[in-house]
Amino acid sequence: MWDSLFDDASAQLTMALSDVCHEPFIETEPCGIDDGTHRILVRPLVIAILAVNEDKQTIRIYNIQPRR
């Protein structure tokens, strides 16, 4: 999906994920129940559903959607 985003949305997602790596709970919001793991990243051109594991220092991308 990432490859099919428009260039602006792709660049926005890349920069946002870099921010999430440094501050995952400031740059994202809870996705559903706030379990501290499942997060949503919302930017003007793109939305991503993530799983953040602070202990293992990993971020897994589950879904990417362009915003309209």
Protein backbone atom coordinates (compact mmCIF):
# COMPACT_ATOMS: atom_id res chain seq x y z
CA MET A 1 0.00 0.00 0.00
CA TRP A 2 2.80 2.43 0.87
CA ASP A 3 4.12 2.27 -2.70
CA SER A 4 0.71 3.18 -4.12
CA LEU A 5 0.41 6.41 -2.08
CA PHE A 6 0.85 9.73 -3.81
CA ASP A 7 4.33 11.17 -3.28
CA ASP A 8 3.14 13.77 -0.76
CA ALA A 9 1.28 11.19 1.33
CA SER A 10 4.22 8.78 1.19
CA ALA A 11 6.63 11.48 2.35
CA GLN A 12 4.22 12.48 5.11
CA LEU A 13 4.00 8.87 6.31
CA THR A 14 7.78 8.46 6.24
CA MET A 15 8.33 11.58 8.34
CA ALA A 16 5.51 10.69 10.72
CA LEU A 17 6.88 7.19 11.33
CA SER A 18 10.27 8.69 12.08
CA ASP A 19 8.56 10.88 14.69
CA VAL A 20 6.73 7.85 16.09
CA CYS A 21 10.04 6.05 16.57
CA HIS A 22 11.16 8.85 18.90
CA GLU A 23 7.85 9.67 20.63
CA PRO A 24 5.29 6.91 19.92
CA PHE A 25 2.68 8.03 22.43
CA ILE A 26 2.84 11.73 21.60
CA GLU A 27 2.60 11.28 17.82
CA THR A 28 -0.23 8.70 17.92
CA GLU A 29 -3.62 8.17 19.53
CA PRO A 30 -5.13 5.02 21.03
CA CYS A 31 -6.83 2.82 18.46
CA GLY A 32 -9.98 1.46 20.09
CA ILE A 33 -9.35 0.56 23.72
CA ASP A 34 -6.22 2.23 25.08
CA ASP A 35 -4.12 -0.86 25.70
CA GLY A 36 -0.84 1.01 25.19
CA THR A 37 -0.02 -1.05 22.11
CA HIS A 38 -2.53 -0.46 19.32
CA ARG A 39 -2.22 3.10 18.05
CA ILE A 40 -3.46 5.21 15.16
CA LEU A 41 -1.30 7.71 13.35
CA VAL A 42 -3.33 10.47 11.70
CA ARG A 43 -1.82 12.96 9.30
CA PRO A 44 -3.55 15.23 6.75
CA LEU A 45 -2.89 12.86 3.81
CA VAL A 46 -2.58 9.43 5.44
CA ILE A 47 -3.73 7.25 8.35
CA ALA A 48 -1.82 4.24 9.69
CA ILE A 49 -2.78 1.63 12.27
CA LEU A 50 0.25 0.59 14.31
CA ALA A 51 1.29 -1.71 17.12
CA VAL A 52 3.92 -0.12 19.35
CA ASN A 53 6.01 -2.33 21.61
CA GLU A 54 8.01 -0.01 23.81
CA ASP A 55 9.83 -2.85 25.61
CA LYS A 56 11.18 -4.34 22.37
CA GLN A 57 11.40 -0.92 20.71
CA THR A 58 9.43 -2.04 17.67
CA ILE A 59 6.61 -0.58 15.60
CA ARG A 60 4.52 -2.81 13.37
CA ILE A 61 2.35 -1.31 10.63
CA TYR A 62 -1.00 -3.08 10.24
CA ASN A 63 -2.83 -0.80 7.84
CA ILE A 64 -2.17 2.30 5.74
CA GLN A 65 -4.99 4.34 4.21
CA PRO A 66 -4.85 7.56 2.23
CA ARG A 67 -7.14 10.30 3.56
CA ARG A 68 -9.57 11.97 1.23
